[in-house]
C-alpha cells in the first residue's frame, strides 16, 4: 500500500510531538510505502527533519489556511504519481489537512488522525463540514475527543479511537546534568516543566502563580517553559517584581519534550481558557453540539482537550505528571498512582501537588514506576503501528486475487 502523509505542524495536533510520532510509526511499519509532505513553511520542514522525518518536500499555506493549498496539492499529485505509482491512501494528521485531503483525493481513500479536539475559530466549522460531507474516516486520540466530534455532528461510524504512542528509546536519560546546567539549576532545585502542545495553549501566568507560592519560601522550585506560552512576558515581570527572575527558564526545546524531560523533576500541565467561538455545526441526523459548545466556550476554560502526547513523553521518562483535571487525561492518569490531578484554575492545588512530590521522594519513585509501566503496557510504538495498520487495512481492504 502506498500512503501519502500530510502534516501541518502549525495546526493544533500537528506539532513536534506528532512529527515524532509519525517518524516512529514509519520505522515500525515497513510493509507499506510511506511518503511525507509538509503543509507549511521552510521552518516547519526543518522541524520535521529534527523530529526524524525525511519529507518529500513542503507546500505553503496561503494565509495559513491549508484549504487554500488545494491546487498546489493537485499539481503535486499529478507530477509525482506520473513518475511513480498512484497513492492508495492520503493520511492527514490534523482536521485541516483532512479537509484538504478530502477535497483533492478523487477516488483515493482518506484517513485523518489521531486528532485532538478542534480549537475553534472560523476554519473549524468548514473543516468539520467537509469531513462530514465527504465521510472521511477519523481516528480520535481519546474517547473524549471522539465525543467532541460526535457532538459536532460527524457520523459515529466514521469515528474510531486510536491512542498515540511514544518511543522511550529516543530519550537521552544521560543528558540530565547537561540540561540542568543549561538551566542553571542545581541538583537540589526542584525543576518543573510546563508542557503542552500547542505551546500557546499552556498558561505561563497560572504556572508561575503556582510556583511562586512555593518559591517565596525556603524551597527552591524552578519552572521551565516555552517562549510562546500564553502570558510569558507577564509571568516574567511578576517573578522579577518578587526578586525571583531566576525561578523561570525559557527554553524552546521544550516543544520537543523527549529532548528535555530527563532534566525535569515534574511535568506541569495548565492550559489557557478558550477565547474563540465554538464551531457551529449541526447535522440534521445528530444532536445539537452541546458538548462541543461546553468544551470550547470561554467559560469552559482549561477543560478543552489538548494533545496528550506531551503527557505521555513525561510519563515515558518517569517524570511525575501534575495536571489539571481534563476529560482527555482520565484514560491515562490514575490520580495518586500514575500522576497527580488538581482542579482547573486552582494554583493552590497545583502548588500543593508540586510540594507533595518535592517533599516525598518515595511518592515520586512510585508514580514514576507506575507511569513507565503504563506507557510500556498501552502506548508503545509497536502497538500503535499495529493498530494503525489495522485502520489502514479497514480503510483500504485488499482486493481478492483474480
Protein backbone atom coordinates (compact mmCIF):
# COMPACT_ATOMS: atom_id res chain seq x y z
CA UNK A 1 0.00 0.00 0.00
CA UNK A 2 1.30 3.47 -0.91
CA UNK A 3 0.45 6.16 1.64
CA UNK A 4 0.98 9.92 1.48
CA UNK A 5 1.11 11.58 4.90
CA UNK A 6 0.01 15.22 5.08
CA UNK A 7 1.12 17.14 8.19
CA UNK A 8 0.57 20.77 9.13
CA UNK A 9 2.99 21.49 12.01
CA UNK A 10 1.34 24.85 12.70
CA UNK A 11 -2.04 23.27 13.45
CA UNK A 12 -3.19 22.04 16.84
CA UNK A 13 -2.32 18.36 16.96
CA UNK A 14 0.28 18.59 14.20
CA UNK A 15 3.31 19.92 16.09
CA UNK A 16 6.65 18.38 17.06
CA UNK A 17 5.13 15.58 19.14
CA UNK A 18 3.02 14.47 16.18
CA UNK A 19 6.00 14.73 13.83
CA UNK A 20 7.95 12.49 16.19
CA UNK A 21 5.04 10.06 16.34
CA UNK A 22 4.90 9.87 12.54
CA UNK A 23 8.65 9.23 12.38
CA UNK A 24 8.36 6.38 14.90
CA UNK A 25 5.34 4.95 13.09
CA UNK A 26 7.07 4.82 9.72
CA UNK A 27 10.04 2.97 11.18
CA UNK A 28 7.66 0.39 12.69
CA UNK A 29 5.59 -0.03 9.51
CA UNK A 30 7.93 -1.27 6.77
CA UNK A 31 5.22 -3.24 4.98
CA UNK A 32 3.81 -0.04 3.45
CA UNK A 33 5.41 2.59 1.23
CA UNK A 34 5.25 5.91 3.08
CA UNK A 35 5.85 9.44 1.80
CA UNK A 36 5.54 12.61 3.87
CA UNK A 37 4.51 16.05 2.66
CA UNK A 38 4.71 19.04 5.00
CA UNK A 39 1.95 21.62 4.67
CA UNK A 40 3.64 24.78 5.92
CA UNK A 41 6.83 26.81 5.87
CA UNK A 42 10.52 26.02 5.38
CA UNK A 43 10.89 26.28 9.17
CA UNK A 44 8.28 23.51 9.52
CA UNK A 45 10.26 21.42 7.04
CA UNK A 46 13.39 21.85 9.15
CA UNK A 47 11.39 20.97 12.27
CA UNK A 48 10.24 17.75 10.62
CA UNK A 49 13.86 16.86 9.95
CA UNK A 50 14.79 17.43 13.60
CA UNK A 51 11.93 15.14 14.61
CA UNK A 52 13.30 12.29 12.49
CA UNK A 53 11.33 12.65 9.24
CA UNK A 54 12.63 12.90 5.68
CA UNK A 55 9.74 14.59 3.82
CA UNK A 56 9.41 14.72 0.05
CA UNK A 57 9.07 18.48 0.43
CA UNK A 58 6.58 21.08 1.53
CA UNK A 59 3.64 23.03 0.19
CA UNK A 60 2.96 26.50 1.53
CA UNK A 61 -0.38 27.52 3.01
CA UNK A 62 -1.70 30.87 1.79
CA UNK A 63 -2.95 32.94 4.75
CA UNK A 64 -2.08 29.94 6.98
CA UNK A 65 -5.16 28.12 5.66
CA UNK A 66 -4.43 24.56 4.44
CA UNK A 67 -7.68 24.56 2.45
CA UNK A 68 -6.17 27.22 0.16
CA UNK A 69 -3.41 24.82 -0.88
CA UNK A 70 -5.72 22.56 -2.92
CA UNK A 71 -4.34 23.48 -6.35
CA UNK A 72 -0.76 23.01 -5.18
CA UNK A 73 -1.61 19.55 -3.80
CA UNK A 74 -3.32 18.57 -7.05
CA UNK A 75 -0.25 19.64 -9.05
CA UNK A 76 1.99 17.69 -6.70
CA UNK A 77 -0.11 14.53 -7.03
CA UNK A 78 -0.21 14.76 -10.83
CA UNK A 79 3.55 15.30 -11.10
CA UNK A 80 4.63 12.75 -8.52
CA UNK A 81 2.20 9.99 -9.42
CA UNK A 82 3.03 10.33 -13.13
CA UNK A 83 6.61 9.35 -12.28
CA UNK A 84 5.63 6.67 -9.76
CA UNK A 85 2.67 4.60 -8.64
CA UNK A 86 -0.60 6.09 -7.52
CA UNK A 87 -1.22 6.60 -3.79
CA UNK A 88 -3.82 4.31 -2.27
CA UNK A 89 -4.39 6.44 0.81
CA UNK A 90 -3.95 10.02 1.93
CA UNK A 91 -3.30 10.07 5.68
CA UNK A 92 -3.88 13.54 7.13
CA UNK A 93 -2.75 14.13 10.72
CA UNK A 94 -4.93 17.15 11.54
CA UNK A 95 -8.56 18.00 10.70
CA UNK A 96 -7.43 20.89 8.46
CA UNK A 97 -5.22 18.57 6.45
CA UNK A 98 -8.07 16.06 6.43
CA UNK A 99 -10.40 18.59 4.83
CA UNK A 100 -7.64 19.45 2.33
CA UNK A 101 -7.02 15.79 1.51
CA UNK A 102 -10.73 15.12 1.07
CA UNK A 103 -11.02 17.96 -1.44
CA UNK A 104 -8.25 16.59 -3.69
CA UNK A 105 -8.48 12.84 -3.10
CA UNK A 106 -10.72 11.86 -6.01
CA UNK A 107 -11.18 8.11 -5.65
CA UNK A 108 -8.27 7.76 -3.23
CA UNK A 109 -9.13 6.89 0.36
CA UNK A 110 -8.62 9.47 3.13
CA UNK A 111 -7.84 8.83 6.79
CA UNK A 112 -7.44 11.55 9.42
CA UNK A 113 -5.78 11.36 12.80
CA UNK A 114 -5.18 10.60 15.56
CA UNK A 115 -6.63 14.07 16.06
CA UNK A 116 -7.28 16.26 19.08
CA UNK A 117 -10.43 18.31 19.52
CA UNK A 118 -10.98 21.29 17.19
CA UNK A 119 -9.56 24.54 18.53
CA UNK A 120 -12.38 26.83 17.40
CA UNK A 121 -12.05 29.82 15.12
CA UNK A 122 -13.52 30.45 11.69
CA UNK A 123 -11.90 27.49 9.94
CA UNK A 124 -13.17 24.79 12.30
CA UNK A 125 -16.84 24.73 11.12
CA UNK A 126 -15.75 24.49 7.47
CA UNK A 127 -13.31 21.68 8.23
CA UNK A 128 -15.94 19.73 10.16
CA UNK A 129 -18.48 20.16 7.35
CA UNK A 130 -16.01 18.90 4.75
CA UNK A 131 -15.04 15.91 6.87
CA UNK A 132 -18.71 15.09 7.45
CA UNK A 133 -19.82 15.59 3.84
CA UNK A 134 -17.03 13.51 2.36
CA UNK A 135 -17.42 10.78 5.01
CA UNK A 136 -13.76 10.82 5.97
CA UNK A 137 -12.65 8.15 8.43
CA UNK A 138 -11.29 9.87 11.56
CA UNK A 139 -9.08 8.44 14.27
CA UNK A 140 -9.51 10.25 17.59
CA UNK A 141 -6.74 10.45 20.17
CA UNK A 142 -9.07 9.56 23.06
CA UNK A 143 -12.71 8.67 23.76
CA UNK A 144 -13.27 12.26 24.95
CA UNK A 145 -12.13 13.62 21.58
CA UNK A 146 -14.44 11.21 19.81
CA UNK A 147 -17.29 12.56 21.91
CA UNK A 148 -16.49 16.10 20.79
CA UNK A 149 -16.73 15.21 17.11
CA UNK A 150 -19.87 13.14 17.64
CA UNK A 151 -21.46 16.15 19.30
CA UNK A 152 -20.31 18.30 16.39
CA UNK A 153 -22.35 16.15 14.03
CA UNK A 154 -19.89 13.69 12.49
CA UNK A 155 -21.16 10.21 11.75
CA UNK A 156 -20.16 7.97 14.68
CA UNK A 157 -19.50 5.07 12.30
CA UNK A 158 -16.67 7.14 10.83
CA UNK A 159 -15.07 7.82 14.22
CA UNK A 160 -12.67 5.45 15.93
CA UNK A 161 -10.34 5.81 18.90
CA UNK A 162 -6.61 5.30 18.39
CA UNK A 163 -4.42 6.41 21.29
CA UNK A 164 -1.00 7.76 20.20
CA UNK A 165 2.37 6.41 21.31
CA UNK A 166 5.84 7.48 22.41
CA UNK A 167 9.21 5.80 21.89
CA UNK A 168 11.17 5.71 25.16
CA UNK A 169 14.32 4.65 23.31
CA UNK A 170 14.89 8.17 21.93
CA UNK A 171 15.02 9.80 25.39
CA UNK A 172 18.64 10.60 26.33
CA UNK A 173 18.46 10.00 30.07
CA UNK A 174 22.19 10.73 30.38
CA UNK A 175 21.51 14.39 29.46
CA UNK A 176 20.14 15.30 32.89
CA UNK A 177 23.23 17.12 34.14
CA UNK A 178 23.77 18.93 30.84
CA UNK A 179 20.18 20.14 30.77
CA UNK A 180 20.20 21.36 34.36
CA UNK A 181 23.48 23.15 33.79
CA UNK A 182 21.90 24.93 30.83
CA UNK A 183 19.01 25.97 33.05
CA UNK A 184 21.41 26.98 35.87
CA UNK A 185 19.52 24.61 38.17
CA UNK A 186 21.38 22.91 40.99
CA UNK A 187 20.65 19.30 41.79
CA UNK A 188 18.71 20.32 44.92
CA UNK A 189 16.46 22.60 42.83
CA UNK A 190 13.09 21.06 42.00
CA UNK A 191 12.61 21.71 38.28
CA UNK A 192 9.08 21.69 36.86
CA UNK A 193 8.50 21.71 33.10
CA UNK A 194 5.36 23.43 31.79
CA UNK A 195 4.50 21.09 28.93
CA UNK A 196 1.74 21.23 26.35
CA UNK A 197 1.05 21.23 22.63
CA UNK A 198 0.41 23.65 21.02
CA UNK A 199 2.75 25.75 23.17
CA UNK A 200 0.45 28.78 23.16
CA UNK A 201 -2.29 26.69 24.77
CA UNK A 202 -0.38 26.47 28.07
CA UNK A 203 -0.65 29.24 30.64
CA UNK A 204 2.65 30.65 31.91
CA UNK A 205 0.83 33.01 34.26
CA UNK A 206 -1.02 30.22 36.05
CA UNK A 207 2.12 28.08 36.30
CA UNK A 208 4.18 30.94 37.73
CA UNK A 209 1.35 31.77 40.13
CA UNK A 210 1.58 28.23 41.49
CA UNK A 211 5.37 28.09 41.57
CA UNK A 212 5.76 31.50 43.22
CA UNK A 213 3.69 30.32 46.19
CA UNK A 214 6.41 27.74 46.83
CA UNK A 215 9.46 29.76 45.78
CA UNK A 216 8.63 32.54 48.25
CA UNK A 217 9.59 30.06 50.95
CA UNK A 218 12.92 28.32 51.52
CA UNK A 219 12.28 25.59 48.93
CA UNK A 220 13.85 26.11 45.52
CA UNK A 221 11.46 25.47 42.63
CA UNK A 222 12.10 26.50 39.02
CA UNK A 223 9.68 26.31 36.09
CA UNK A 224 10.86 25.74 32.51
CA UNK A 225 8.50 26.84 29.73
CA UNK A 226 8.30 27.61 26.03
CA UNK A 227 8.72 31.20 24.79
CA UNK A 228 5.29 31.02 23.13
CA UNK A 229 3.49 30.07 26.34
CA UNK A 230 0.47 32.32 26.95
CA UNK A 231 1.28 35.25 29.21
CA UNK A 232 5.02 34.57 29.37
CA UNK A 233 6.08 38.28 29.48
CA UNK A 234 3.62 38.95 32.29
CA UNK A 235 4.85 35.89 34.17
CA UNK A 236 8.45 37.06 33.86
CA UNK A 237 7.56 40.55 35.06
CA UNK A 238 5.71 39.09 38.03
CA UNK A 239 8.69 37.00 39.15
CA UNK A 240 11.04 39.93 38.60
CA UNK A 241 8.86 42.06 40.87
CA UNK A 242 9.24 39.35 43.54
CA UNK A 243 13.04 39.40 43.06
CA UNK A 244 12.89 35.82 41.73
CA UNK A 245 13.63 36.12 37.98
CA UNK A 246 15.80 33.00 38.08
CA UNK A 247 12.76 30.89 39.05
CA UNK A 248 11.65 30.91 35.39
CA UNK A 249 13.66 29.47 32.49
CA UNK A 250 12.62 29.90 28.85
CA UNK A 251 13.66 27.01 26.58
CA UNK A 252 12.19 26.49 23.12
CA UNK A 253 13.39 22.87 23.14
CA UNK A 254 10.52 22.06 25.48
CA UNK A 255 8.33 21.88 22.34
CA UNK A 256 10.17 18.59 21.64
CA UNK A 257 9.70 17.10 25.11
CA UNK A 258 11.81 13.99 24.55
CA UNK A 259 14.82 16.36 24.47
CA UNK A 260 14.23 17.95 27.89
CA UNK A 261 12.28 15.51 30.09
CA UNK A 262 15.46 13.91 31.52
CA UNK A 263 16.25 17.20 33.27
CA UNK A 264 12.84 17.59 34.92
CA UNK A 265 11.66 16.53 38.36
CA UNK A 266 7.97 17.00 37.48
CA UNK A 267 5.84 17.96 34.47
CA UNK A 268 3.04 20.51 34.88
CA UNK A 269 0.03 20.89 32.58
CA UNK A 270 -2.04 24.08 32.91
CA UNK A 271 -3.91 25.26 29.83
CA UNK A 272 -5.40 28.63 28.97
CA UNK A 273 -9.09 29.46 28.64
CA UNK A 274 -10.58 29.42 25.16
CA UNK A 275 -11.24 32.84 23.66
CA UNK A 276 -12.71 31.78 20.35
CA UNK A 277 -16.24 30.87 19.39
CA UNK A 278 -17.09 27.18 19.12
CA UNK A 279 -17.70 25.66 15.70
CA UNK A 280 -21.38 25.99 14.85
CA UNK A 281 -22.22 22.81 13.01
CA UNK A 282 -25.23 20.60 13.44
CA UNK A 283 -26.06 17.72 11.17
CA UNK A 284 -29.79 17.06 10.84
CA UNK A 285 -29.15 13.48 11.85
CA UNK A 286 -27.23 14.37 15.01
CA UNK A 287 -27.99 16.11 18.28
CA UNK A 288 -27.00 19.80 18.75
CA UNK A 289 -23.32 20.31 19.56
CA UNK A 290 -23.90 20.97 23.23
CA UNK A 291 -20.79 19.10 24.38
CA UNK A 292 -18.67 20.88 21.79
CA UNK A 293 -20.01 24.27 22.89
CA UNK A 294 -19.39 23.40 26.52
CA UNK A 295 -15.83 22.29 25.85
CA UNK A 296 -14.84 25.19 23.61
CA UNK A 297 -16.70 28.14 25.14
CA UNK A 298 -14.69 30.75 27.07
CA UNK A 299 -16.31 29.69 30.31
CA UNK A 300 -15.07 26.16 29.85
CA UNK A 301 -11.51 27.34 30.47
CA UNK A 302 -8.86 24.66 30.76
CA UNK A 303 -11.28 21.79 30.19
CA UNK A 304 -10.62 21.95 26.47
CA UNK A 305 -8.84 18.92 25.11
CA UNK A 306 -5.12 19.38 24.44
CA UNK A 307 -2.73 16.95 22.82
CA UNK A 308 -1.96 14.15 25.24
CA UNK A 309 1.43 13.39 23.67
CA UNK A 310 3.49 15.68 25.98
CA UNK A 311 1.86 13.91 28.95
CA UNK A 312 2.93 10.56 27.52
CA UNK A 313 6.50 11.78 26.97
CA UNK A 314 6.79 12.87 30.59
CA UNK A 315 5.39 9.55 31.80
CA UNK A 316 7.71 7.62 29.48
CA UNK A 317 10.70 9.36 31.06
CA UNK A 318 9.45 8.56 34.55
CA UNK A 319 8.75 12.24 35.25
CA UNK A 320 5.69 12.57 37.53
CA UNK A 321 2.83 14.44 35.90
CA UNK A 322 0.84 17.15 37.68
CA UNK A 323 -2.14 18.12 35.53
CA UNK A 324 -5.46 19.90 35.57
CA UNK A 325 -8.41 17.56 35.59
CA UNK A 326 -9.37 17.08 31.94
CA UNK A 327 -11.50 14.56 30.07
CA UNK A 328 -8.61 13.70 27.76
CA UNK A 329 -6.45 12.56 30.69
CA UNK A 330 -8.88 10.31 32.51
CA UNK A 331 -7.83 7.26 30.47
CA UNK A 332 -4.14 7.96 31.14
CA UNK A 333 -3.71 9.28 34.65
CA UNK A 334 -4.94 7.44 37.71
CA UNK A 335 -4.78 10.18 40.32
CA UNK A 336 -2.25 9.32 43.00
CA UNK A 337 -0.87 6.32 41.13
CA UNK A 338 0.32 7.27 37.62
CA UNK A 339 0.15 11.04 38.19
CA UNK A 340 -1.46 13.80 40.22
CA UNK A 341 -4.51 15.84 39.25
CA UNK A 342 -5.91 19.13 40.53
CA UNK A 343 -8.95 21.25 39.71
CA UNK A 344 -8.65 23.60 36.71
CA UNK A 345 -7.77 27.17 37.57
CA UNK A 346 -6.56 26.27 41.08
CA UNK A 347 -2.95 27.49 41.60
CA UNK A 348 -3.11 26.46 45.25
CA UNK A 349 -3.94 22.91 44.20
CA UNK A 350 -1.06 22.90 41.71
CA UNK A 351 1.33 24.25 44.33
CA UNK A 352 0.26 21.60 46.84
CA UNK A 353 0.83 18.85 44.30
CA UNK A 354 4.28 20.20 43.45
CA UNK A 355 5.19 20.33 47.14
CA UNK A 356 3.83 16.83 47.64
CA UNK A 357 6.24 15.47 45.04
CA UNK A 358 9.14 17.63 46.11
CA UNK A 359 8.94 16.60 49.76
CA UNK A 360 8.21 12.89 49.22
CA UNK A 361 10.87 11.10 47.14
CA UNK A 362 9.19 7.73 47.71
CA UNK A 363 5.94 9.04 46.18
CA UNK A 364 7.89 10.36 43.18
CA UNK A 365 9.51 6.98 42.67
CA UNK A 366 6.21 5.10 42.96
CA UNK A 367 4.43 7.39 40.49
CA UNK A 368 7.41 7.26 38.13
CA UNK A 369 7.46 3.45 38.08
CA UNK A 370 3.69 3.20 37.60
CA UNK A 371 3.75 5.76 34.78
CA UNK A 372 6.53 3.99 32.89
CA UNK A 373 4.69 0.68 33.24
CA UNK A 374 1.52 2.32 31.90
CA UNK A 375 3.38 3.59 28.84
CA UNK A 376 5.03 0.23 28.16
CA UNK A 377 1.69 -1.53 28.51
CA UNK A 378 -0.50 0.70 26.35
CA UNK A 379 1.44 3.36 24.42
CA UNK A 380 4.36 1.64 22.70
CA UNK A 381 5.19 2.40 19.03
CA UNK A 382 4.80 -1.27 18.10
CA UNK A 383 1.25 -1.33 19.44
CA UNK A 384 0.39 1.93 17.73
CA UNK A 385 1.82 0.80 14.38
CA UNK A 386 -0.15 -2.46 14.57
CA UNK A 387 -3.41 -0.66 15.36
CA UNK A 388 -2.78 1.93 12.67
CA UNK A 389 -2.04 -0.86 10.20
CA UNK A 390 -5.41 -2.39 11.04
CA UNK A 391 -7.04 1.00 10.37
CA UNK A 392 -5.25 1.17 7.01
CA UNK A 393 -6.49 -2.31 6.12
CA UNK A 394 -10.05 -1.39 7.07
CA UNK A 395 -9.88 1.84 5.09
CA UNK A 396 -8.30 0.19 2.02
CA UNK A 397 -9.22 -3.50 2.06
CA UNK A 398 -7.05 -5.63 -0.18
CA UNK A 399 -8.70 -6.73 -3.40
CA UNK A 400 -9.24 -10.50 -3.77
CA UNK A 401 -6.88 -12.25 -6.18
CA UNK A 402 -8.29 -12.83 -9.70
